[in-house]
Amino acid sequence: MPRRARADPTSRLNLELPERVRTRMDALRAMSEADSITEVVRRAVAVYFVLVVGVRERGDRFILRSRDGTEREILLP
């Protein structure tokens, strides 16, 4: 199936990353069933954007709660 034309303009990035980061990105691609590393990066930026906007603009706090009920707050730099 041919790809659809993109509605939004795009730009190309060339990233130089440590091998361990690339390994993590490959693992995330597999776990999330993303089509590509590009999709992993796109999703990661979207999540990070939501977190930063929540904390910086609305004063939100993000809490991770594990199955056993323990909680920890996500702190952003």
PDB file of N, CA and C in Angstrom:
ATOM      1  N   MET A   1       0.840  -1.171   0.000  1.00  0.00           N
ATOM      2  CA  MET A   1       0.000   0.000   0.000  1.00  0.00           C
ATOM      3  C   MET A   1       0.889   1.239   0.000  1.00  0.00           C
ATOM      4  N   PRO A   2       0.668   2.177  -0.900  1.00  0.00           N
ATOM      5  CA  PRO A   2       1.495   3.389  -0.941  1.00  0.00           C
ATOM      6  C   PRO A   2       1.195   4.295   0.243  1.00  0.00           C
ATOM      7  N   ARG A   3       2.204   5.047   0.642  1.00  0.00           N
ATOM      8  CA  ARG A   3       2.023   5.994   1.749  1.00  0.00           C
ATOM      9  C   ARG A   3       1.187   7.173   1.299  1.00  0.00           C
ATOM     10  N   ARG A   4       0.404   7.687   2.237  1.00  0.00           N
ATOM     11  CA  ARG A   4      -0.378   8.893   1.970  1.00  0.00           C
ATOM     12  C   ARG A   4       0.536  10.109   1.981  1.00  0.00           C
ATOM     13  N   ALA A   5       0.179  11.106   1.220  1.00  0.00           N
ATOM     14  CA  ALA A   5       0.935  12.356   1.228  1.00  0.00           C
ATOM     15  C   ALA A   5       0.775  13.022   2.589  1.00  0.00           C
ATOM     16  N   ARG A   6       1.846  13.603   3.085  1.00  0.00           N
ATOM     17  CA  ARG A   6       1.806  14.269   4.385  1.00  0.00           C
ATOM     18  C   ARG A   6       1.195  15.654   4.243  1.00  0.00           C
ATOM     19  N   ALA A   7       0.310  15.970   5.173  1.00  0.00           N
ATOM     20  CA  ALA A   7      -0.321  17.283   5.161  1.00  0.00           C
ATOM     21  C   ALA A   7       0.602  18.332   5.783  1.00  0.00           C
ATOM     22  N   ASP A   8       1.358  17.938   6.790  1.00  0.00           N
ATOM     23  CA  ASP A   8       2.250  18.875   7.481  1.00  0.00           C
ATOM     24  C   ASP A   8       3.642  18.835   6.856  1.00  0.00           C
ATOM     25  N   PRO A   9       4.289  19.982   6.772  1.00  0.00           N
ATOM     26  CA  PRO A   9       5.672  19.983   6.286  1.00  0.00           C
ATOM     27  C   PRO A   9       6.567  19.208   7.259  1.00  0.00           C
ATOM     28  N   THR A  10       7.597  18.600   6.757  1.00  0.00           N
ATOM     29  CA  THR A  10       8.507  17.825   7.602  1.00  0.00           C
ATOM     30  C   THR A  10       9.921  18.368   7.480  1.00  0.00           C
ATOM     31  N   SER A  11      10.753  17.969   8.408  1.00  0.00           N
ATOM     32  CA  SER A  11      12.175  18.285   8.324  1.00  0.00           C
ATOM     33  C   SER A  11      12.949  17.053   8.778  1.00  0.00           C
ATOM     34  N   ARG A  12      14.112  16.876   8.226  1.00  0.00           N
ATOM     35  CA  ARG A  12      14.940  15.711   8.528  1.00  0.00           C
ATOM     36  C   ARG A  12      15.932  16.057   9.643  1.00  0.00           C
ATOM     37  N   LEU A  13      16.105  15.124  10.582  1.00  0.00           N
ATOM     38  CA  LEU A  13      17.079  15.265  11.653  1.00  0.00           C
ATOM     39  C   LEU A  13      18.091  14.133  11.548  1.00  0.00           C
ATOM     40  N   ASN A  14      19.310  14.434  11.873  1.00  0.00           N
ATOM     41  CA  ASN A  14      20.346  13.420  11.929  1.00  0.00           C
ATOM     42  C   ASN A  14      20.853  13.405  13.360  1.00  0.00           C
ATOM     43  N   LEU A  15      20.584  12.337  14.094  1.00  0.00           N
ATOM     44  CA  LEU A  15      20.939  12.271  15.508  1.00  0.00           C
ATOM     45  C   LEU A  15      22.138  11.370  15.728  1.00  0.00           C
ATOM     46  N   GLU A  16      23.019  11.820  16.601  1.00  0.00           N
ATOM     47  CA  GLU A  16      24.137  10.991  17.024  1.00  0.00           C
ATOM     48  C   GLU A  16      23.882  10.633  18.483  1.00  0.00           C
ATOM     49  N   LEU A  17      23.610   9.355  18.741  1.00  0.00           N
ATOM     50  CA  LEU A  17      23.226   8.908  20.073  1.00  0.00           C
ATOM     51  C   LEU A  17      24.135   7.779  20.530  1.00  0.00           C
ATOM     52  N   PRO A  18      24.314   7.645  21.835  1.00  0.00           N
ATOM     53  CA  PRO A  18      25.053   6.478  22.331  1.00  0.00           C
ATOM     54  C   PRO A  18      24.322   5.189  21.931  1.00  0.00           C
ATOM     55  N   GLU A  19      25.068   4.137  21.746  1.00  0.00           N
ATOM     56  CA  GLU A  19      24.489   2.861  21.321  1.00  0.00           C
ATOM     57  C   GLU A  19      23.427   2.365  22.298  1.00  0.00           C
ATOM     58  N   ARG A  20      23.621   2.615  23.602  1.00  0.00           N
ATOM     59  CA  ARG A  20      22.634   2.160  24.589  1.00  0.00           C
ATOM     60  C   ARG A  20      21.288   2.846  24.388  1.00  0.00           C
ATOM     61  N   VAL A  21      21.292   4.103  23.940  1.00  0.00           N
ATOM     62  CA  VAL A  21      20.037   4.814  23.671  1.00  0.00           C
ATOM     63  C   VAL A  21      19.359   4.202  22.458  1.00  0.00           C
ATOM     64  N   ARG A  22      20.129   3.898  21.419  1.00  0.00           N
ATOM     65  CA  ARG A  22      19.563   3.254  20.229  1.00  0.00           C
ATOM     66  C   ARG A  22      18.961   1.901  20.592  1.00  0.00           C
ATOM     67  N   THR A  23      19.631   1.162  21.465  1.00  0.00           N
ATOM     68  CA  THR A  23      19.117  -0.136  21.909  1.00  0.00           C
ATOM     69  C   THR A  23      17.784   0.041  22.626  1.00  0.00           C
ATOM     70  N   ARG A  24      17.691   1.051  23.467  1.00  0.00           N
ATOM     71  CA  ARG A  24      16.425   1.333  24.165  1.00  0.00           C
ATOM     72  C   ARG A  24      15.334   1.726  23.188  1.00  0.00           C
ATOM     73  N   MET A  25      15.697   2.524  22.186  1.00  0.00           N
ATOM     74  CA  MET A  25      14.710   2.938  21.183  1.00  0.00           C
ATOM     75  C   MET A  25      14.196   1.733  20.395  1.00  0.00           C
ATOM     76  N   ASP A  26      15.096   0.812  20.058  1.00  0.00           N
ATOM     77  CA  ASP A  26      14.682  -0.410  19.368  1.00  0.00           C
ATOM     78  C   ASP A  26      13.742  -1.240  20.240  1.00  0.00           C
ATOM     79  N   ALA A  27      14.060  -1.316  21.536  1.00  0.00           N
ATOM     80  CA  ALA A  27      13.194  -2.059  22.457  1.00  0.00           C
ATOM     81  C   ALA A  27      11.827  -1.392  22.560  1.00  0.00           C
ATOM     82  N   LEU A  28      11.804  -0.064  22.639  1.00  0.00           N
ATOM     83  CA  LEU A  28      10.532   0.657  22.693  1.00  0.00           C
ATOM     84  C   LEU A  28       9.715   0.461  21.420  1.00  0.00           C
ATOM     85  N   ARG A  29      10.399   0.455  20.274  1.00  0.00           N
ATOM     86  CA  ARG A  29       9.708   0.227  19.012  1.00  0.00           C
ATOM     87  C   ARG A  29       9.012  -1.126  19.032  1.00  0.00           C
ATOM     88  N   ALA A  30       9.714  -2.145  19.496  1.00  0.00           N
ATOM     89  CA  ALA A  30       9.134  -3.490  19.557  1.00  0.00           C
ATOM     90  C   ALA A  30       7.986  -3.560  20.571  1.00  0.00           C
ATOM     91  N   MET A  31       8.192  -3.007  21.765  1.00  0.00           N
ATOM     92  CA  MET A  31       7.167  -3.066  22.812  1.00  0.00           C
ATOM     93  C   MET A  31       5.907  -2.308  22.434  1.00  0.00           C
ATOM     94  N   SER A  32       6.069  -1.190  21.762  1.00  0.00           N
ATOM     95  CA  SER A  32       4.920  -0.342  21.418  1.00  0.00           C
ATOM     96  C   SER A  32       4.345  -0.670  20.040  1.00  0.00           C
ATOM     97  N   GLU A  33       4.997  -1.605  19.351  1.00  0.00           N
ATOM     98  CA  GLU A  33       4.575  -2.001  18.007  1.00  0.00           C
ATOM     99  C   GLU A  33       4.543  -0.811  17.045  1.00  0.00           C
ATOM    100  N   ALA A  34       5.483   0.128  17.252  1.00  0.00           N
ATOM    101  CA  ALA A  34       5.603   1.270  16.343  1.00  0.00           C
ATOM    102  C   ALA A  34       6.183   0.783  15.018  1.00  0.00           C
ATOM    103  N   ASP A  35       5.848   1.485  13.956  1.00  0.00           N
ATOM    104  CA  ASP A  35       6.334   1.108  12.633  1.00  0.00           C
ATOM    105  C   ASP A  35       7.811   1.418  12.442  1.00  0.00           C
ATOM    106  N   SER A  36       8.347   2.386  13.196  1.00  0.00           N
ATOM    107  CA  SER A  36       9.721   2.814  12.976  1.00  0.00           C
ATOM    108  C   SER A  36      10.255   3.527  14.212  1.00  0.00           C
ATOM    109  N   ILE A  37      11.558   3.746  14.215  1.00  0.00           N
ATOM    110  CA  ILE A  37      12.184   4.544  15.266  1.00  0.00           C
ATOM    111  C   ILE A  37      11.651   5.971  15.202  1.00  0.00           C
ATOM    112  N   THR A  38      11.388   6.457  14.010  1.00  0.00           N
ATOM    113  CA  THR A  38      10.813   7.801  13.863  1.00  0.00           C
ATOM    114  C   THR A  38       9.498   7.907  14.617  1.00  0.00           C
ATOM    115  N   GLU A  39       8.680   6.871  14.523  1.00  0.00           N
ATOM    116  CA  GLU A  39       7.399   6.864  15.246  1.00  0.00           C
ATOM    117  C   GLU A  39       7.632   6.857  16.754  1.00  0.00           C
ATOM    118  N   VAL A  40       8.641   6.144  17.221  1.00  0.00           N
ATOM    119  CA  VAL A  40       8.982   6.133  18.649  1.00  0.00           C
ATOM    120  C   VAL A  40       9.357   7.541  19.101  1.00  0.00           C
ATOM    121  N   VAL A  41      10.190   8.218  18.332  1.00  0.00           N
ATOM    122  CA  VAL A  41      10.606   9.578  18.676  1.00  0.00           C
ATOM    123  C   VAL A  41       9.406  10.515  18.668  1.00  0.00           C
ATOM    124  N   ARG A  42       8.549  10.400  17.662  1.00  0.00           N
ATOM    125  CA  ARG A  42       7.365  11.256  17.562  1.00  0.00           C
ATOM    126  C   ARG A  42       6.469  11.078  18.794  1.00  0.00           C
ATOM    127  N   ARG A  43       6.244   9.829  19.188  1.00  0.00           N
ATOM    128  CA  ARG A  43       5.402   9.554  20.362  1.00  0.00           C
ATOM    129  C   ARG A  43       6.063  10.061  21.639  1.00  0.00           C
ATOM    130  N   ALA A  44       7.379   9.870  21.757  1.00  0.00           N
ATOM    131  CA  ALA A  44       8.097  10.311  22.956  1.00  0.00           C
ATOM    132  C   ALA A  44       8.023  11.827  23.108  1.00  0.00           C
ATOM    133  N   VAL A  45       8.175  12.550  22.018  1.00  0.00           N
ATOM    134  CA  VAL A  45       8.089  14.008  22.064  1.00  0.00           C
ATOM    135  C   VAL A  45       6.680  14.437  22.471  1.00  0.00           C
ATOM    136  N   ALA A  46       5.669  13.747  21.968  1.00  0.00           N
ATOM    137  CA  ALA A  46       4.283  14.082  22.319  1.00  0.00           C
ATOM    138  C   ALA A  46       4.036  13.892  23.820  1.00  0.00           C
ATOM    139  N   VAL A  47       4.525  12.796  24.377  1.00  0.00           N
ATOM    140  CA  VAL A  47       4.347  12.540  25.810  1.00  0.00           C
ATOM    141  C   VAL A  47       5.115  13.571  26.630  1.00  0.00           C
ATOM    142  N   TYR A  48       6.343  13.840  26.255  1.00  0.00           N
ATOM    143  CA  TYR A  48       7.154  14.816  26.983  1.00  0.00           C
ATOM    144  C   TYR A  48       6.517  16.202  26.939  1.00  0.00           C
ATOM    145  N   PHE A  49       5.958  16.558  25.809  1.00  0.00           N
ATOM    146  CA  PHE A  49       5.287  17.848  25.671  1.00  0.00           C
ATOM    147  C   PHE A  49       4.123  17.954  26.657  1.00  0.00           C
ATOM    148  N   VAL A  50       3.313  16.911  26.759  1.00  0.00           N
ATOM    149  CA  VAL A  50       2.175  16.905  27.689  1.00  0.00           C
ATOM    150  C   VAL A  50       2.670  17.064  29.125  1.00  0.00           C
ATOM    151  N   LEU A  51       3.742  16.356  29.472  1.00  0.00           N
ATOM    152  CA  LEU A  51       4.281  16.463  30.828  1.00  0.00           C
ATOM    153  C   LEU A  51       4.791  17.870  31.122  1.00  0.00           C
ATOM    154  N   VAL A  52       5.574  18.421  30.214  1.00  0.00           N
ATOM    155  CA  VAL A  52       6.144  19.753  30.445  1.00  0.00           C
ATOM    156  C   VAL A  52       5.053  20.810  30.520  1.00  0.00           C
ATOM    157  N   VAL A  53       4.098  20.772  29.618  1.00  0.00           N
ATOM    158  CA  VAL A  53       2.998  21.741  29.654  1.00  0.00           C
ATOM    159  C   VAL A  53       2.220  21.594  30.958  1.00  0.00           C
ATOM    160  N   GLY A  54       1.949  20.364  31.368  1.00  0.00           N
ATOM    161  CA  GLY A  54       1.204  20.136  32.604  1.00  0.00           C
ATOM    162  C   GLY A  54       1.912  20.713  33.810  1.00  0.00           C
ATOM    163  N   VAL A  55       3.204  20.457  33.917  1.00  0.00           N
ATOM    164  CA  VAL A  55       3.962  20.907  35.082  1.00  0.00           C
ATOM    165  C   VAL A  55       4.226  22.405  35.028  1.00  0.00           C
ATOM    166  N   ARG A  56       4.734  22.886  33.902  1.00  0.00           N
ATOM    167  CA  ARG A  56       5.174  24.285  33.817  1.00  0.00           C
ATOM    168  C   ARG A  56       4.018  25.271  33.702  1.00  0.00           C
ATOM    169  N   GLU A  57       2.985  24.915  32.961  1.00  0.00           N
ATOM    170  CA  GLU A  57       1.913  25.883  32.723  1.00  0.00           C
ATOM    171  C   GLU A  57       0.726  25.716  33.654  1.00  0.00           C
ATOM    172  N   ARG A  58       0.455  24.494  34.104  1.00  0.00           N
ATOM    173  CA  ARG A  58      -0.722  24.278  34.947  1.00  0.00           C
ATOM    174  C   ARG A  58      -0.377  23.871  36.372  1.00  0.00           C
ATOM    175  N   GLY A  59       0.894  23.611  36.619  1.00  0.00           N
ATOM    176  CA  GLY A  59       1.296  23.209  37.966  1.00  0.00           C
ATOM    177  C   GLY A  59       0.877  21.793  38.322  1.00  0.00           C
ATOM    178  N   ASP A  60       0.618  20.972  37.322  1.00  0.00           N
ATOM    179  CA  ASP A  60       0.226  19.582  37.579  1.00  0.00           C
ATOM    180  C   ASP A  60       1.371  18.803  38.216  1.00  0.00           C
ATOM    181  N   ARG A  61       1.011  17.727  38.892  1.00  0.00           N
ATOM    182  CA  ARG A  61       1.970  16.750  39.421  1.00  0.00           C
ATOM    183  C   ARG A  61       1.629  15.421  38.775  1.00  0.00           C
ATOM    184  N   PHE A  62       2.653  14.686  38.373  1.00  0.00           N
ATOM    185  CA  PHE A  62       2.430  13.392  37.747  1.00  0.00           C
ATOM    186  C   PHE A  62       2.947  12.306  38.673  1.00  0.00           C
ATOM    187  N   ILE A  63       2.036  11.419  39.047  1.00  0.00           N
ATOM    188  CA  ILE A  63       2.331  10.366  40.011  1.00  0.00           C
ATOM    189  C   ILE A  63       2.219   9.016  39.317  1.00  0.00           C
ATOM    190  N   LEU A  64       3.257   8.182  39.488  1.00  0.00           N
ATOM    191  CA  LEU A  64       3.199   6.805  39.007  1.00  0.00           C
ATOM    192  C   LEU A  64       2.777   5.931  40.180  1.00  0.00           C
ATOM    193  N   ARG A  65       1.768   5.115  39.984  1.00  0.00           N
ATOM    194  CA  ARG A  65       1.307   4.206  41.023  1.00  0.00           C
ATOM    195  C   ARG A  65       1.519   2.783  40.526  1.00  0.00           C
ATOM    196  N   SER A  66       2.291   2.005  41.264  1.00  0.00           N
ATOM    197  CA  SER A  66       2.543   0.621  40.878  1.00  0.00           C
ATOM    198  C   SER A  66       1.365  -0.256  41.300  1.00  0.00           C
ATOM    199  N   ARG A  67       1.378  -1.467  40.849  1.00  0.00           N
ATOM    200  CA  ARG A  67       0.274  -2.391  41.165  1.00  0.00           C
ATOM    201  C   ARG A  67       0.126  -2.632  42.656  1.00  0.00           C
ATOM    202  N   ASP A  68       1.239  -2.544  43.399  1.00  0.00           N
ATOM    203  CA  ASP A  68       1.145  -2.770  44.843  1.00  0.00           C
ATOM    204  C   ASP A  68       0.737  -1.504  45.605  1.00  0.00           C
ATOM    205  N   GLY A  69       0.457  -0.416  44.879  1.00  0.00           N
ATOM    206  CA  GLY A  69      -0.038   0.799  45.507  1.00  0.00           C
ATOM    207  C   GLY A  69       1.020   1.819  45.847  1.00  0.00           C
ATOM    208  N   THR A  70       2.290   1.465  45.713  1.00  0.00           N
ATOM    209  CA  THR A  70       3.321   2.468  45.992  1.00  0.00           C
ATOM    210  C   THR A  70       3.306   3.540  44.901  1.00  0.00           C
ATOM    211  N   GLU A  71       3.596   4.755  45.322  1.00  0.00           N
ATOM    212  CA  GLU A  71       3.541   5.884  44.406  1.00  0.00           C
ATOM    213  C   GLU A  71       4.878   6.615  44.400  1.00  0.00           C
ATOM    214  N   ARG A  72       5.169   7.208  43.238  1.00  0.00           N
ATOM    215  CA  ARG A  72       6.329   8.098  43.133  1.00  0.00           C
ATOM    216  C   ARG A  72       6.001   9.171  42.111  1.00  0.00           C
ATOM    217  N   GLU A  73       6.502  10.360  42.399  1.00  0.00           N
ATOM    218  CA  GLU A  73       6.217  11.507  41.545  1.00  0.00           C
ATOM    219  C   GLU A  73       7.265  11.615  40.439  1.00  0.00           C
ATOM    220  N   ILE A  74       6.820  11.962  39.233  1.00  0.00           N
ATOM    221  CA  ILE A  74       7.741  12.222  38.130  1.00  0.00           C
ATOM    222  C   ILE A  74       8.205  13.666  38.252  1.00  0.00           C
ATOM    223  N   LEU A  75       9.498  13.856  38.367  1.00  0.00           N
ATOM    224  CA  LEU A  75      10.075  15.193  38.465  1.00  0.00           C
ATOM    225  C   LEU A  75      10.739  15.542  37.135  1.00  0.00           C
ATOM    226  N   LEU A  76      10.450  16.698  36.612  1.00  0.00           N
ATOM    227  CA  LEU A  76      11.046  17.140  35.360  1.00  0.00           C
ATOM    228  C   LEU A  76      12.098  18.196  35.641  1.00  0.00           C
ATOM    229  N   PRO A  77      13.205  18.158  34.887  1.00  0.00           N
ATOM    230  CA  PRO A  77      14.246  19.172  35.093  1.00  0.00           C
ATOM    231  C   PRO A  77      13.780  20.542  34.665  1.00  0.00           C
TER     232      PRO A  77
END
